Amino acid sequence: EGFGTQRLEEDLAAHFPTARIMRMDSDSTTRRGAHGKMVSAFAAGEY
């Protein structure tokens, strides 16, 4: 029931199969430096 970020990410990947999708939440940013790397990658247009 309902939708979290993981489900939304997966449904979007199925609906837009060629899109490069990134998920940013406390589950995906647990590793040291992960948040900064994600921000830089999205700002650079990699997603």
All heavy atoms as atom14 arrays in JSON, in Angstrom:
{
  "sequence": "EGFGTQRLEEDLAAHFPTARIMRMDSDSTTRRGAHGKMVSAFAAGEY",
  "atom14_mask": [
    [1, 1, 1, 1, 1, 1, 1, 1, 1, 0, 0, 0, 0, 0],
    [1, 1, 1, 1, 0, 0, 0, 0, 0, 0, 0, 0, 0, 0],
    [1, 1, 1, 1, 1, 1, 1, 1, 1, 1, 1, 0, 0, 0],
    [1, 1, 1, 1, 0, 0, 0, 0, 0, 0, 0, 0, 0, 0],
    [1, 1, 1, 1, 1, 1, 1, 0, 0, 0, 0, 0, 0, 0],
    [1, 1, 1, 1, 1, 1, 1, 1, 1, 0, 0, 0, 0, 0],
    [1, 1, 1, 1, 1, 1, 1, 1, 1, 1, 1, 0, 0, 0],
    [1, 1, 1, 1, 1, 1, 1, 1, 0, 0, 0, 0, 0, 0],
    [1, 1, 1, 1, 1, 1, 1, 1, 1, 0, 0, 0, 0, 0],
    [1, 1, 1, 1, 1, 1, 1, 1, 1, 0, 0, 0, 0, 0],
    [1, 1, 1, 1, 1, 1, 1, 1, 0, 0, 0, 0, 0, 0],
    [1, 1, 1, 1, 1, 1, 1, 1, 0, 0, 0, 0, 0, 0],
    [1, 1, 1, 1, 1, 0, 0, 0, 0, 0, 0, 0, 0, 0],
    [1, 1, 1, 1, 1, 0, 0, 0, 0, 0, 0, 0, 0, 0],
    [1, 1, 1, 1, 1, 1, 1, 1, 1, 1, 0, 0, 0, 0],
    [1, 1, 1, 1, 1, 1, 1, 1, 1, 1, 1, 0, 0, 0],
    [1, 1, 1, 1, 1, 1, 1, 0, 0, 0, 0, 0, 0, 0],
    [1, 1, 1, 1, 1, 1, 1, 0, 0, 0, 0, 0, 0, 0],
    [1, 1, 1, 1, 1, 0, 0, 0, 0, 0, 0, 0, 0, 0],
    [1, 1, 1, 1, 1, 1, 1, 1, 1, 1, 1, 0, 0, 0],
    [1, 1, 1, 1, 1, 1, 1, 1, 0, 0, 0, 0, 0, 0],
    [1, 1, 1, 1, 1, 1, 1, 1, 0, 0, 0, 0, 0, 0],
    [1, 1, 1, 1, 1, 1, 1, 1, 1, 1, 1, 0, 0, 0],
    [1, 1, 1, 1, 1, 1, 1, 1, 0, 0, 0, 0, 0, 0],
    [1, 1, 1, 1, 1, 1, 1, 1, 0, 0, 0, 0, 0, 0],
    [1, 1, 1, 1, 1, 1, 0, 0, 0, 0, 0, 0, 0, 0],
    [1, 1, 1, 1, 1, 1, 1, 1, 0, 0, 0, 0, 0, 0],
    [1, 1, 1, 1, 1, 1, 0, 0, 0, 0, 0, 0, 0, 0],
    [1, 1, 1, 1, 1, 1, 1, 0, 0, 0, 0, 0, 0, 0],
    [1, 1, 1, 1, 1, 1, 1, 0, 0, 0, 0, 0, 0, 0],
    [1, 1, 1, 1, 1, 1, 1, 1, 1, 1, 1, 0, 0, 0],
    [1, 1, 1, 1, 1, 1, 1, 1, 1, 1, 1, 0, 0, 0],
    [1, 1, 1, 1, 0, 0, 0, 0, 0, 0, 0, 0, 0, 0],
    [1, 1, 1, 1, 1, 0, 0, 0, 0, 0, 0, 0, 0, 0],
    [1, 1, 1, 1, 1, 1, 1, 1, 1, 1, 0, 0, 0, 0],
    [1, 1, 1, 1, 0, 0, 0, 0, 0, 0, 0, 0, 0, 0],
    [1, 1, 1, 1, 1, 1, 1, 1, 1, 0, 0, 0, 0, 0],
    [1, 1, 1, 1, 1, 1, 1, 1, 0, 0, 0, 0, 0, 0],
    [1, 1, 1, 1, 1, 1, 1, 0, 0, 0, 0, 0, 0, 0],
    [1, 1, 1, 1, 1, 1, 0, 0, 0, 0, 0, 0, 0, 0],
    [1, 1, 1, 1, 1, 0, 0, 0, 0, 0, 0, 0, 0, 0],
    [1, 1, 1, 1, 1, 1, 1, 1, 1, 1, 1, 0, 0, 0],
    [1, 1, 1, 1, 1, 0, 0, 0, 0, 0, 0, 0, 0, 0],
    [1, 1, 1, 1, 1, 0, 0, 0, 0, 0, 0, 0, 0, 0],
    [1, 1, 1, 1, 0, 0, 0, 0, 0, 0, 0, 0, 0, 0],
    [1, 1, 1, 1, 1, 1, 1, 1, 1, 0, 0, 0, 0, 0],
    [1, 1, 1, 1, 1, 1, 1, 1, 1, 1, 1, 1, 0, 0]
  ],
  "atom14_positions": [
    [[0.84, -1.19, 0.0], [0.0, 0.0, 0.0], [0.88, 1.25, 0.0], [1.83, 1.34, 0.76], [-0.9, 0.03, 1.24], [-2.12, -0.86, 1.15], [-3.24, -0.2, 0.36], [-3.02, 0.9, -0.16], [-4.31, -0.8, 0.26], [0.0, 0.0, 0.0], [0.0, 0.0, 0.0], [0.0, 0.0, 0.0], [0.0, 0.0, 0.0], [0.0, 0.0, 0.0]],
    [[0.52, 2.22, -0.82], [1.22, 3.48, -0.83], [2.54, 3.42, -1.6], [2.91, 2.4, -2.17], [0.0, 0.0, 0.0], [0.0, 0.0, 0.0], [0.0, 0.0, 0.0], [0.0, 0.0, 0.0], [0.0, 0.0, 0.0], [0.0, 0.0, 0.0], [0.0, 0.0, 0.0], [0.0, 0.0, 0.0], [0.0, 0.0, 0.0], [0.0, 0.0, 0.0]],
    [[3.25, 4.56, -1.59], [4.44, 4.69, -2.42], [5.55, 5.38, -1.64], [5.35, 6.42, -1.02], [4.14, 5.51, -3.68], [3.15, 4.86, -4.58], [1.8, 5.01, -4.38], [3.58, 4.06, -5.63], [0.87, 4.4, -5.2], [2.67, 3.45, -6.46], [1.32, 3.62, -6.25], [0.0, 0.0, 0.0], [0.0, 0.0, 0.0], [0.0, 0.0, 0.0]],
    [[6.74, 4.77, -1.69], [7.93, 5.39, -1.19], [8.86, 5.72, -2.34], [8.55, 5.46, -3.51], [0.0, 0.0, 0.0], [0.0, 0.0, 0.0], [0.0, 0.0, 0.0], [0.0, 0.0, 0.0], [0.0, 0.0, 0.0], [0.0, 0.0, 0.0], [0.0, 0.0, 0.0], [0.0, 0.0, 0.0], [0.0, 0.0, 0.0], [0.0, 0.0, 0.0]],
    [[10.01, 6.28, -2.03], [10.95, 6.69, -3.08], [11.45, 5.5, -3.89], [11.69, 5.62, -5.1], [12.14, 7.43, -2.46], [12.67, 6.67, -1.37], [11.73, 8.81, -1.94], [0.0, 0.0, 0.0], [0.0, 0.0, 0.0], [0.0, 0.0, 0.0], [0.0, 0.0, 0.0], [0.0, 0.0, 0.0], [0.0, 0.0, 0.0], [0.0, 0.0, 0.0]],
    [[11.63, 4.34, -3.25], [12.12, 3.17, -3.99], [11.13, 2.72, -5.05], [11.5, 2.42, -6.19], [12.4, 2.01, -3.02], [13.56, 2.23, -2.08], [13.75, 1.07, -1.13], [13.14, 0.02, -1.29], [14.6, 1.25, -0.13], [0.0, 0.0, 0.0], [0.0, 0.0, 0.0], [0.0, 0.0, 0.0], [0.0, 0.0, 0.0], [0.0, 0.0, 0.0]],
    [[9.85, 2.68, -4.67], [8.83, 2.25, -5.63], [8.69, 3.25, -6.77], [8.52, 2.87, -7.94], [7.5, 2.07, -4.91], [6.39, 1.5, -5.8], [5.18, 1.17, -4.97], [4.14, 0.54, -5.74], [3.0, 0.09, -5.22], [2.78, 0.22, -3.93], [2.08, -0.47, -5.98], [0.0, 0.0, 0.0], [0.0, 0.0, 0.0], [0.0, 0.0, 0.0]],
    [[8.75, 4.53, -6.43], [8.64, 5.56, -7.46], [9.8, 5.48, -8.44], [9.62, 5.6, -9.66], [8.6, 6.93, -6.78], [8.15, 8.12, -7.64], [6.79, 7.87, -8.25], [8.15, 9.38, -6.79], [0.0, 0.0, 0.0], [0.0, 0.0, 0.0], [0.0, 0.0, 0.0], [0.0, 0.0, 0.0], [0.0, 0.0, 0.0], [0.0, 0.0, 0.0]],
    [[11.0, 5.24, -7.91], [12.18, 5.1, -8.77], [12.01, 3.94, -9.73], [12.29, 4.06, -10.94], [13.42, 4.89, -7.91], [14.69, 4.64, -8.71], [15.83, 4.15, -7.84], [15.57, 3.58, -6.77], [17.0, 4.33, -8.26], [0.0, 0.0, 0.0], [0.0, 0.0, 0.0], [0.0, 0.0, 0.0], [0.0, 0.0, 0.0], [0.0, 0.0, 0.0]],
    [[11.53, 2.81, -9.22], [11.39, 1.63, -10.07], [10.31, 1.82, -11.13], [10.49, 1.45, -12.3], [11.06, 0.41, -9.2], [10.96, -0.87, -9.99], [10.84, -2.08, -9.1], [11.74, -2.29, -8.28], [9.83, -2.79, -9.21], [0.0, 0.0, 0.0], [0.0, 0.0, 0.0], [0.0, 0.0, 0.0], [0.0, 0.0, 0.0], [0.0, 0.0, 0.0]],
    [[9.17, 2.39, -10.75], [8.1, 2.62, -11.72], [8.52, 3.61, -12.81], [8.17, 3.45, -13.98], [6.84, 3.12, -11.01], [6.13, 2.02, -10.24], [6.5, 0.84, -10.41], [5.21, 2.34, -9.45], [0.0, 0.0, 0.0], [0.0, 0.0, 0.0], [0.0, 0.0, 0.0], [0.0, 0.0, 0.0], [0.0, 0.0, 0.0], [0.0, 0.0, 0.0]],
    [[9.27, 4.63, -12.42], [9.75, 5.6, -13.41], [10.73, 4.95, -14.37], [10.73, 5.24, -15.58], [10.41, 6.78, -12.7], [9.46, 7.77, -12.02], [10.22, 8.67, -11.06], [8.72, 8.62, -13.06], [0.0, 0.0, 0.0], [0.0, 0.0, 0.0], [0.0, 0.0, 0.0], [0.0, 0.0, 0.0], [0.0, 0.0, 0.0], [0.0, 0.0, 0.0]],
    [[11.59, 4.05, -13.85], [12.54, 3.36, -14.72], [11.83, 2.49, -15.74], [12.28, 2.35, -16.89], [13.5, 2.52, -13.87], [0.0, 0.0, 0.0], [0.0, 0.0, 0.0], [0.0, 0.0, 0.0], [0.0, 0.0, 0.0], [0.0, 0.0, 0.0], [0.0, 0.0, 0.0], [0.0, 0.0, 0.0], [0.0, 0.0, 0.0], [0.0, 0.0, 0.0]],
    [[10.7, 1.9, -15.33], [9.93, 1.08, -16.27], [9.18, 1.92, -17.28], [9.03, 1.54, -18.45], [8.96, 0.19, -15.49], [0.0, 0.0, 0.0], [0.0, 0.0, 0.0], [0.0, 0.0, 0.0], [0.0, 0.0, 0.0], [0.0, 0.0, 0.0], [0.0, 0.0, 0.0], [0.0, 0.0, 0.0], [0.0, 0.0, 0.0], [0.0, 0.0, 0.0]],
    [[8.7, 3.08, -16.84], [7.93, 3.95, -17.74], [8.83, 4.73, -18.69], [8.45, 4.98, -19.84], [7.1, 4.93, -16.9], [6.08, 5.69, -17.7], [4.83, 5.18, -17.99], [6.14, 6.91, -18.28], [4.16, 6.06, -18.7], [4.93, 7.13, -18.89], [0.0, 0.0, 0.0], [0.0, 0.0, 0.0], [0.0, 0.0, 0.0], [0.0, 0.0, 0.0]],
    [[10.01, 5.14, -18.21], [10.96, 5.88, -19.03], [12.26, 5.07, -19.09], [13.23, 5.39, -18.39], [11.24, 7.27, -18.44], [10.02, 8.13, -18.29], [9.43, 8.34, -17.04], [9.44, 8.74, -19.4], [8.31, 9.13, -16.9], [8.31, 9.54, -19.27], [7.74, 9.74, -18.01], [0.0, 0.0, 0.0], [0.0, 0.0, 0.0], [0.0, 0.0, 0.0]],
    [[12.29, 4.03, -19.9], [13.43, 3.09, -19.88], [14.77, 3.71, -20.3], [15.82, 3.19, -19.94], [13.0, 1.99, -20.87], [11.95, 2.62, -21.71], [11.25, 3.61, -20.85], [0.0, 0.0, 0.0], [0.0, 0.0, 0.0], [0.0, 0.0, 0.0], [0.0, 0.0, 0.0], [0.0, 0.0, 0.0], [0.0, 0.0, 0.0], [0.0, 0.0, 0.0]],
    [[14.74, 4.81, -21.03], [16.0, 5.43, -21.47], [16.47, 6.54, -20.53], [17.58, 7.06, -20.68], [15.85, 6.02, -22.88], [14.82, 7.03, -22.87], [15.48, 4.92, -23.88], [0.0, 0.0, 0.0], [0.0, 0.0, 0.0], [0.0, 0.0, 0.0], [0.0, 0.0, 0.0], [0.0, 0.0, 0.0], [0.0, 0.0, 0.0], [0.0, 0.0, 0.0]],
    [[15.64, 6.91, -19.55], [16.0, 7.99, -18.63], [17.0, 7.51, -17.59], [16.92, 6.37, -17.11], [14.75, 8.54, -17.96], [0.0, 0.0, 0.0], [0.0, 0.0, 0.0], [0.0, 0.0, 0.0], [0.0, 0.0, 0.0], [0.0, 0.0, 0.0], [0.0, 0.0, 0.0], [0.0, 0.0, 0.0], [0.0, 0.0, 0.0], [0.0, 0.0, 0.0]],
    [[17.92, 8.38, -17.25], [18.9, 8.08, -16.2], [18.34, 8.63, -14.88], [18.2, 9.84, -14.72], [20.24, 8.72, -16.54], [20.85, 8.22, -17.84], [21.98, 9.11, -18.31], [21.51, 10.46, -18.61], [22.31, 11.49, -18.9], [23.62, 11.32, -18.93], [21.79, 12.69, -19.16], [0.0, 0.0, 0.0], [0.0, 0.0, 0.0], [0.0, 0.0, 0.0]],
    [[18.03, 7.73, -13.96], [17.29, 8.09, -12.74], [18.16, 7.89, -11.5], [18.85, 6.88, -11.37], [16.01, 7.25, -12.63], [15.13, 7.46, -13.87], [15.23, 7.61, -11.37], [13.94, 6.55, -13.93], [0.0, 0.0, 0.0], [0.0, 0.0, 0.0], [0.0, 0.0, 0.0], [0.0, 0.0, 0.0], [0.0, 0.0, 0.0], [0.0, 0.0, 0.0]],
    [[18.12, 8.86, -10.62], [18.84, 8.79, -9.35], [17.86, 8.96, -8.2], [16.94, 9.77, -8.29], [19.91, 9.9, -9.27], [20.73, 9.86, -7.98], [21.6, 11.41, -7.65], [22.57, 11.58, -9.13], [0.0, 0.0, 0.0], [0.0, 0.0, 0.0], [0.0, 0.0, 0.0], [0.0, 0.0, 0.0], [0.0, 0.0, 0.0], [0.0, 0.0, 0.0]],
    [[18.06, 8.18, -7.15], [17.25, 8.31, -5.93], [18.12, 8.82, -4.79], [19.19, 8.29, -4.53], [16.64, 6.96, -5.56], [15.93, 6.97, -4.2], [15.15, 5.67, -3.98], [15.98, 4.49, -4.13], [16.68, 3.95, -3.14], [16.69, 4.5, -1.94], [17.4, 2.86, -3.36], [0.0, 0.0, 0.0], [0.0, 0.0, 0.0], [0.0, 0.0, 0.0]],
    [[17.64, 9.87, -4.11], [18.39, 10.45, -3.01], [17.52, 10.48, -1.76], [16.56, 11.24, -1.68], [18.86, 11.87, -3.36], [19.79, 12.49, -2.32], [20.26, 14.2, -2.72], [21.18, 13.97, -4.23], [0.0, 0.0, 0.0], [0.0, 0.0, 0.0], [0.0, 0.0, 0.0], [0.0, 0.0, 0.0], [0.0, 0.0, 0.0], [0.0, 0.0, 0.0]],
    [[17.82, 9.61, -0.82], [17.16, 9.59, 0.49], [18.16, 9.05, 1.5], [19.32, 8.78, 1.17], [15.87, 8.77, 0.45], [16.08, 7.35, -0.09], [17.2, 6.81, 0.09], [15.14, 6.79, -0.68], [0.0, 0.0, 0.0], [0.0, 0.0, 0.0], [0.0, 0.0, 0.0], [0.0, 0.0, 0.0], [0.0, 0.0, 0.0], [0.0, 0.0, 0.0]],
    [[17.72, 8.87, 2.73], [18.67, 8.43, 3.77], [19.11, 6.99, 3.57], [20.09, 6.56, 4.19], [18.04, 8.6, 5.16], [16.82, 7.9, 5.25], [0.0, 0.0, 0.0], [0.0, 0.0, 0.0], [0.0, 0.0, 0.0], [0.0, 0.0, 0.0], [0.0, 0.0, 0.0], [0.0, 0.0, 0.0], [0.0, 0.0, 0.0], [0.0, 0.0, 0.0]],
    [[18.42, 6.22, 2.73], [18.86, 4.86, 2.43], [19.97, 4.84, 1.38], [20.87, 4.0, 1.44], [17.68, 4.01, 1.93], [16.62, 3.81, 3.0], [17.01, 3.56, 4.16], [15.43, 3.91, 2.69], [0.0, 0.0, 0.0], [0.0, 0.0, 0.0], [0.0, 0.0, 0.0], [0.0, 0.0, 0.0], [0.0, 0.0, 0.0], [0.0, 0.0, 0.0]],
    [[19.9, 5.75, 0.42], [20.87, 5.75, -0.67], [22.1, 6.6, -0.39], [23.05, 6.61, -1.17], [20.21, 6.25, -1.97], [19.79, 7.6, -1.83], [0.0, 0.0, 0.0], [0.0, 0.0, 0.0], [0.0, 0.0, 0.0], [0.0, 0.0, 0.0], [0.0, 0.0, 0.0], [0.0, 0.0, 0.0], [0.0, 0.0, 0.0], [0.0, 0.0, 0.0]],
    [[22.11, 7.33, 0.73], [23.24, 8.22, 1.04], [23.96, 7.81, 2.32], [24.53, 8.64, 3.02], [22.76, 9.67, 1.17], [21.72, 9.75, 2.16], [22.2, 10.19, -0.15], [0.0, 0.0, 0.0], [0.0, 0.0, 0.0], [0.0, 0.0, 0.0], [0.0, 0.0, 0.0], [0.0, 0.0, 0.0], [0.0, 0.0, 0.0], [0.0, 0.0, 0.0]],
    [[23.92, 6.51, 2.64], [24.53, 6.06, 3.89], [26.06, 6.06, 3.83], [26.73, 6.27, 4.84], [24.04, 4.64, 4.24], [24.26, 3.78, 3.1], [22.56, 4.66, 4.57], [0.0, 0.0, 0.0], [0.0, 0.0, 0.0], [0.0, 0.0, 0.0], [0.0, 0.0, 0.0], [0.0, 0.0, 0.0], [0.0, 0.0, 0.0], [0.0, 0.0, 0.0]],
    [[26.62, 5.82, 2.66], [28.08, 5.8, 2.55], [28.66, 7.2, 2.65], [28.05, 8.17, 2.2], [28.51, 5.16, 1.23], [28.18, 3.67, 1.13], [28.73, 3.09, -0.15], [28.45, 1.66, -0.28], [28.83, 0.92, -1.31], [29.51, 1.46, -2.31], [28.52, -0.37, -1.34], [0.0, 0.0, 0.0], [0.0, 0.0, 0.0], [0.0, 0.0, 0.0]],
    [[29.84, 7.29, 3.22], [30.49, 8.58, 3.39], [30.74, 9.23, 2.02], [31.28, 8.61, 1.11], [31.82, 8.42, 4.13], [32.58, 9.74, 4.29], [33.85, 9.55, 5.1], [33.56, 9.23, 6.49], [34.5, 9.07, 7.43], [35.77, 9.2, 7.1], [34.16, 8.78, 8.66], [0.0, 0.0, 0.0], [0.0, 0.0, 0.0], [0.0, 0.0, 0.0]],
    [[30.33, 10.47, 1.9], [30.54, 11.22, 0.66], [29.52, 10.96, -0.42], [29.57, 11.57, -1.49], [0.0, 0.0, 0.0], [0.0, 0.0, 0.0], [0.0, 0.0, 0.0], [0.0, 0.0, 0.0], [0.0, 0.0, 0.0], [0.0, 0.0, 0.0], [0.0, 0.0, 0.0], [0.0, 0.0, 0.0], [0.0, 0.0, 0.0], [0.0, 0.0, 0.0]],
    [[28.56, 10.04, -0.16], [27.59, 9.68, -1.2], [26.72, 10.86, -1.59], [26.43, 11.08, -2.77], [26.73, 8.51, -0.73], [0.0, 0.0, 0.0], [0.0, 0.0, 0.0], [0.0, 0.0, 0.0], [0.0, 0.0, 0.0], [0.0, 0.0, 0.0], [0.0, 0.0, 0.0], [0.0, 0.0, 0.0], [0.0, 0.0, 0.0], [0.0, 0.0, 0.0]],
    [[26.27, 11.63, -0.61], [25.38, 12.75, -0.89], [26.07, 13.77, -1.8], [25.49, 14.21, -2.81], [24.94, 13.41, 0.41], [24.0, 14.56, 0.22], [24.43, 15.86, 0.06], [22.65, 14.61, 0.16], [23.39, 16.66, -0.09], [22.3, 15.93, -0.03], [0.0, 0.0, 0.0], [0.0, 0.0, 0.0], [0.0, 0.0, 0.0], [0.0, 0.0, 0.0]],
    [[27.31, 14.14, -1.48], [28.03, 15.11, -2.29], [28.27, 14.63, -3.71], [28.16, 15.4, -4.68], [0.0, 0.0, 0.0], [0.0, 0.0, 0.0], [0.0, 0.0, 0.0], [0.0, 0.0, 0.0], [0.0, 0.0, 0.0], [0.0, 0.0, 0.0], [0.0, 0.0, 0.0], [0.0, 0.0, 0.0], [0.0, 0.0, 0.0], [0.0, 0.0, 0.0]],
    [[28.58, 13.34, -3.86], [28.8, 12.79, -5.19], [27.52, 12.81, -6.01], [27.55, 13.1, -7.22], [29.33, 11.36, -5.07], [30.75, 11.26, -4.52], [31.19, 9.82, -4.37], [32.6, 9.73, -3.78], [33.02, 8.32, -3.57], [0.0, 0.0, 0.0], [0.0, 0.0, 0.0], [0.0, 0.0, 0.0], [0.0, 0.0, 0.0], [0.0, 0.0, 0.0]],
    [[26.39, 12.5, -5.37], [25.11, 12.53, -6.08], [24.76, 13.94, -6.54], [24.31, 14.14, -7.68], [24.0, 11.99, -5.17], [24.06, 10.5, -4.93], [22.67, 9.95, -3.9], [22.9, 8.18, -3.97], [0.0, 0.0, 0.0], [0.0, 0.0, 0.0], [0.0, 0.0, 0.0], [0.0, 0.0, 0.0], [0.0, 0.0, 0.0], [0.0, 0.0, 0.0]],
    [[24.94, 14.91, -5.66], [24.64, 16.29, -6.02], [25.5, 16.75, -7.19], [25.01, 17.36, -8.16], [24.85, 17.22, -4.8], [24.8, 18.69, -5.22], [23.82, 16.94, -3.73], [0.0, 0.0, 0.0], [0.0, 0.0, 0.0], [0.0, 0.0, 0.0], [0.0, 0.0, 0.0], [0.0, 0.0, 0.0], [0.0, 0.0, 0.0], [0.0, 0.0, 0.0]],
    [[26.79, 16.43, -7.14], [27.7, 16.82, -8.22], [27.32, 16.15, -9.53], [27.35, 16.77, -10.6], [29.15, 16.48, -7.84], [29.55, 17.17, -6.68], [0.0, 0.0, 0.0], [0.0, 0.0, 0.0], [0.0, 0.0, 0.0], [0.0, 0.0, 0.0], [0.0, 0.0, 0.0], [0.0, 0.0, 0.0], [0.0, 0.0, 0.0], [0.0, 0.0, 0.0]],
    [[26.97, 14.86, -9.46], [26.62, 14.12, -10.68], [25.36, 14.67, -11.32], [25.29, 14.83, -12.55], [26.45, 12.64, -10.36], [0.0, 0.0, 0.0], [0.0, 0.0, 0.0], [0.0, 0.0, 0.0], [0.0, 0.0, 0.0], [0.0, 0.0, 0.0], [0.0, 0.0, 0.0], [0.0, 0.0, 0.0], [0.0, 0.0, 0.0], [0.0, 0.0, 0.0]],
    [[24.35, 15.0, -10.51], [23.12, 15.53, -11.08], [23.34, 16.94, -11.62], [22.8, 17.29, -12.69], [22.02, 15.54, -10.02], [20.64, 15.79, -10.58], [19.99, 14.81, -11.32], [20.0, 16.99, -10.36], [18.72, 15.04, -11.85], [18.73, 17.23, -10.87], [18.1, 16.25, -11.62], [0.0, 0.0, 0.0], [0.0, 0.0, 0.0], [0.0, 0.0, 0.0]],
    [[24.11, 17.74, -10.92], [24.41, 19.1, -11.4], [25.18, 19.07, -12.71], [25.03, 19.96, -13.56], [25.2, 19.87, -10.34], [0.0, 0.0, 0.0], [0.0, 0.0, 0.0], [0.0, 0.0, 0.0], [0.0, 0.0, 0.0], [0.0, 0.0, 0.0], [0.0, 0.0, 0.0], [0.0, 0.0, 0.0], [0.0, 0.0, 0.0], [0.0, 0.0, 0.0]],
    [[26.0, 18.03, -12.9], [26.79, 17.91, -14.13], [25.98, 17.33, -15.29], [26.51, 17.18, -16.4], [28.02, 17.04, -13.87], [0.0, 0.0, 0.0], [0.0, 0.0, 0.0], [0.0, 0.0, 0.0], [0.0, 0.0, 0.0], [0.0, 0.0, 0.0], [0.0, 0.0, 0.0], [0.0, 0.0, 0.0], [0.0, 0.0, 0.0], [0.0, 0.0, 0.0]],
    [[24.72, 16.98, -15.04], [23.88, 16.45, -16.11], [24.04, 14.97, -16.37], [23.6, 14.48, -17.42], [0.0, 0.0, 0.0], [0.0, 0.0, 0.0], [0.0, 0.0, 0.0], [0.0, 0.0, 0.0], [0.0, 0.0, 0.0], [0.0, 0.0, 0.0], [0.0, 0.0, 0.0], [0.0, 0.0, 0.0], [0.0, 0.0, 0.0], [0.0, 0.0, 0.0]],
    [[24.63, 14.24, -15.43], [24.82, 12.81, -15.63], [23.53, 12.02, -15.43], [23.46, 10.84, -15.79], [25.9, 12.29, -14.67], [27.27, 12.92, -14.93], [28.31, 12.48, -13.91], [28.05, 11.46, -13.21], [29.35, 13.15, -13.79], [0.0, 0.0, 0.0], [0.0, 0.0, 0.0], [0.0, 0.0, 0.0], [0.0, 0.0, 0.0], [0.0, 0.0, 0.0]],
    [[22.53, 12.66, -14.83], [21.22, 12.02, -14.62], [20.13, 12.96, -15.12], [20.29, 14.19, -15.11], [21.0, 11.69, -13.14], [21.91, 10.6, -12.62], [23.17, 10.91, -12.13], [21.52, 9.27, -12.64], [24.02, 9.91, -11.66], [22.35, 8.26, -12.18], [23.6, 8.6, -11.69], [24.44, 7.61, -11.23], [0.0, 0.0, 0.0], [0.0, 0.0, 0.0]]
  ]
}
